Amino acid sequence: MLRCVAVIGSSQANEEEYEIAYRVGRHLAKKGVVIVCGGRGGVMEAVCKGAKEEGGITVGVLTTYTGEEANPYVDIKINTGMGWNRNPIVVASGEFVVAIGGHWGTLSEIAYALILGKKVIGYKTHPIEGVKQVHSLQALLDEIDLSLEKM
C-alpha cells in the first residue's frame, strides 16, 4: 500500500517557503511517499514539483468542480467543488501533516489535523500548541523521517 503525507502551506509562498517545500517534495518522493496537498500554487506547487522531479506521485484536493486551479505538477486531481471546505479532506488524507508557512487556510488545516489526532510538523508556520516546530530544512527532513519510521 502506498503511504501518503499531507503538505500544507500558502498558495502565495515566499522564496524560502517555496524552496523548503520543493526539497520536502523531493525527499518524500525518494522515500516512495505520495504527496497530498491542496493542488494550487505556492507551497503546494513547490512540493508537487519536487516530488515529480524524483518520479513521485502527487494528489491535489481542489476547491472547484473543474480543477482548473491545479498546478502543472498534480498527477491526480480530486475536484471537490467545496471551496475551502475541502481543507479537512487534505489533512485527513495524510498519515501526518507538514505545514510550511501559511495563512488562514493553513491555520484551518492545522486545526483540522489536530482535531483528527494527526501529527503536525511545522516550519515557520502558526505557533499552535500541538505543532512540532522545526527551524531548519535538515530538522524538518529528520522529523519527517522519524515520523515515517513510526507509522
Protein backbone atom coordinates (compact mmCIF):
# COMPACT_ATOMS: atom_id res chain seq x y z
CA MET A 1 0.00 0.00 0.00
CA LEU A 2 1.25 3.47 -0.83
CA ARG A 3 1.92 5.87 2.03
CA CYS A 4 0.62 9.46 1.91
CA VAL A 5 1.75 12.63 3.65
CA ALA A 6 -0.24 15.87 3.54
CA VAL A 7 1.76 19.03 2.88
CA ILE A 8 0.04 22.35 3.55
CA GLY A 9 1.02 25.99 3.16
CA SER A 10 0.26 29.23 1.41
CA SER A 11 -0.70 29.47 -2.25
CA GLN A 12 1.46 32.61 -2.28
CA ALA A 13 4.66 31.29 -0.74
CA ASN A 14 7.75 33.41 -0.40
CA GLU A 15 11.04 32.26 -1.92
CA GLU A 16 12.20 30.44 1.22
CA GLU A 17 8.89 28.60 1.71
CA TYR A 18 8.89 27.57 -1.96
CA GLU A 19 12.43 26.18 -1.73
CA ILE A 20 11.73 24.30 1.51
CA ALA A 21 8.53 22.79 0.09
CA TYR A 22 10.35 21.81 -3.12
CA ARG A 23 13.00 19.97 -1.12
CA VAL A 24 10.39 18.28 1.06
CA GLY A 25 8.68 17.05 -2.11
CA ARG A 26 11.92 15.59 -3.45
CA HIS A 27 12.68 13.96 -0.10
CA LEU A 28 9.26 12.36 0.26
CA ALA A 29 9.24 11.10 -3.33
CA LYS A 30 12.65 9.46 -2.84
CA LYS A 31 11.07 7.53 0.02
CA GLY A 32 8.13 6.45 -2.15
CA VAL A 33 5.60 8.63 -0.33
CA VAL A 34 2.59 10.10 -2.15
CA ILE A 35 2.13 13.84 -1.65
CA VAL A 36 -1.38 15.06 -0.85
CA CYS A 37 -1.98 18.81 -0.92
CA GLY A 38 -4.48 21.45 -1.98
CA GLY A 39 -3.06 21.27 -5.51
CA ARG A 40 -2.77 25.01 -6.10
CA GLY A 41 0.28 27.33 -6.31
CA GLY A 42 2.91 28.36 -3.79
CA VAL A 43 3.88 25.69 -1.26
CA MET A 44 1.55 23.21 -2.96
CA GLU A 45 3.14 23.74 -6.37
CA ALA A 46 6.65 23.55 -4.95
CA VAL A 47 6.11 20.28 -3.09
CA CYS A 48 4.50 18.74 -6.18
CA LYS A 49 7.30 19.98 -8.44
CA GLY A 50 9.96 18.49 -6.17
CA ALA A 51 8.11 15.19 -5.99
CA LYS A 52 7.64 15.00 -9.77
CA GLU A 53 11.35 15.61 -10.38
CA GLU A 54 12.03 12.49 -8.29
CA GLY A 55 9.35 10.42 -10.03
CA GLY A 56 6.84 10.75 -7.18
CA ILE A 57 3.06 10.79 -7.20
CA THR A 58 1.10 13.93 -6.32
CA VAL A 59 -2.55 14.38 -5.40
CA GLY A 60 -4.34 17.73 -5.39
CA VAL A 61 -7.60 18.05 -3.45
CA LEU A 62 -9.01 21.03 -5.32
CA THR A 63 -11.57 23.69 -4.46
CA THR A 64 -13.56 23.63 -7.74
CA TYR A 65 -15.52 21.06 -9.74
CA THR A 66 -13.33 21.61 -12.79
CA GLY A 67 -9.84 21.57 -11.29
CA GLU A 68 -8.61 24.49 -13.39
CA GLU A 69 -6.65 25.81 -10.41
CA ALA A 70 -4.40 22.73 -10.27
CA ASN A 71 -0.69 23.37 -10.59
CA PRO A 72 1.04 21.61 -13.51
CA TYR A 73 2.70 19.03 -11.22
CA VAL A 74 -0.50 17.45 -9.89
CA ASP A 75 -0.97 13.85 -11.10
CA ILE A 76 -4.34 13.10 -9.56
CA LYS A 77 -6.91 15.88 -9.35
CA ILE A 78 -9.75 15.47 -6.87
CA ASN A 79 -12.27 18.11 -7.90
CA THR A 80 -14.46 18.73 -4.86
CA GLY A 81 -16.41 21.88 -5.69
CA MET A 82 -16.23 22.52 -1.94
CA GLY A 83 -14.09 25.66 -1.89
CA TRP A 84 -12.07 25.90 1.31
CA ASN A 85 -14.33 23.29 2.90
CA ARG A 86 -12.02 20.77 1.25
CA ASN A 87 -9.30 21.54 3.84
CA PRO A 88 -10.17 18.71 6.25
CA ILE A 89 -10.02 16.25 3.34
CA VAL A 90 -6.45 17.32 2.57
CA VAL A 91 -5.16 16.70 6.09
CA ALA A 92 -7.28 13.60 6.70
CA SER A 93 -5.63 12.01 3.65
CA GLY A 94 -2.09 12.04 5.07
CA GLU A 95 -0.54 9.82 7.72
CA PHE A 96 0.80 13.08 9.14
CA VAL A 97 0.94 16.71 8.06
CA VAL A 98 3.81 19.01 7.14
CA ALA A 99 2.94 22.72 7.41
CA ILE A 100 5.24 25.23 5.70
CA GLY A 101 4.47 28.88 6.33
CA GLY A 102 0.86 29.65 5.54
CA HIS A 103 -2.04 31.95 6.24
CA TRP A 104 -5.67 31.42 7.30
CA GLY A 105 -6.27 28.34 5.14
CA THR A 106 -3.17 26.68 6.58
CA LEU A 107 -4.31 27.60 10.07
CA SER A 108 -7.65 25.89 9.45
CA GLU A 109 -5.88 22.79 8.10
CA ILE A 110 -3.66 22.66 11.19
CA ALA A 111 -6.76 22.84 13.39
CA TYR A 112 -8.46 20.02 11.47
CA ALA A 113 -5.30 17.90 11.61
CA LEU A 114 -5.06 18.32 15.37
CA ILE A 115 -8.78 17.55 15.80
CA LEU A 116 -8.18 14.36 13.81
CA GLY A 117 -5.22 13.44 16.01
CA LYS A 118 -2.67 13.82 13.22
CA LYS A 119 0.93 14.71 13.93
CA VAL A 120 1.74 18.15 12.51
CA ILE A 121 5.33 19.19 11.77
CA GLY A 122 5.65 22.93 11.22
CA TYR A 123 8.31 25.03 9.52
CA LYS A 124 7.78 28.77 10.08
CA THR A 125 4.07 28.21 10.44
CA HIS A 126 1.48 29.16 13.04
CA PRO A 127 2.80 28.66 16.61
CA ILE A 128 -0.02 26.41 17.77
CA GLU A 129 0.11 24.02 20.72
CA GLY A 130 0.43 20.52 19.32
CA VAL A 131 2.52 21.50 16.28
CA LYS A 132 6.10 20.18 16.34
CA GLN A 133 8.01 23.30 15.25
CA VAL A 134 11.34 22.92 13.44
CA HIS A 135 13.69 25.70 12.38
CA SER A 136 15.83 24.33 9.55
CA LEU A 137 15.45 22.22 6.44
CA GLN A 138 17.55 19.44 7.96
CA ALA A 139 15.49 19.39 11.16
CA LEU A 140 12.33 19.21 9.04
CA LEU A 141 13.63 16.30 6.95
CA ASP A 142 14.82 14.50 10.10
CA GLU A 143 11.41 14.90 11.73
CA ILE A 144 9.71 13.63 8.56
CA ASP A 145 11.96 10.57 8.59
CA LEU A 146 11.21 9.89 12.26
CA SER A 147 7.50 10.20 11.59
CA LEU A 148 7.70 7.81 8.63
CA GLU A 149 9.55 5.26 10.77
CA LYS A 150 6.86 5.42 13.47
CA MET A 151 3.99 4.88 11.04
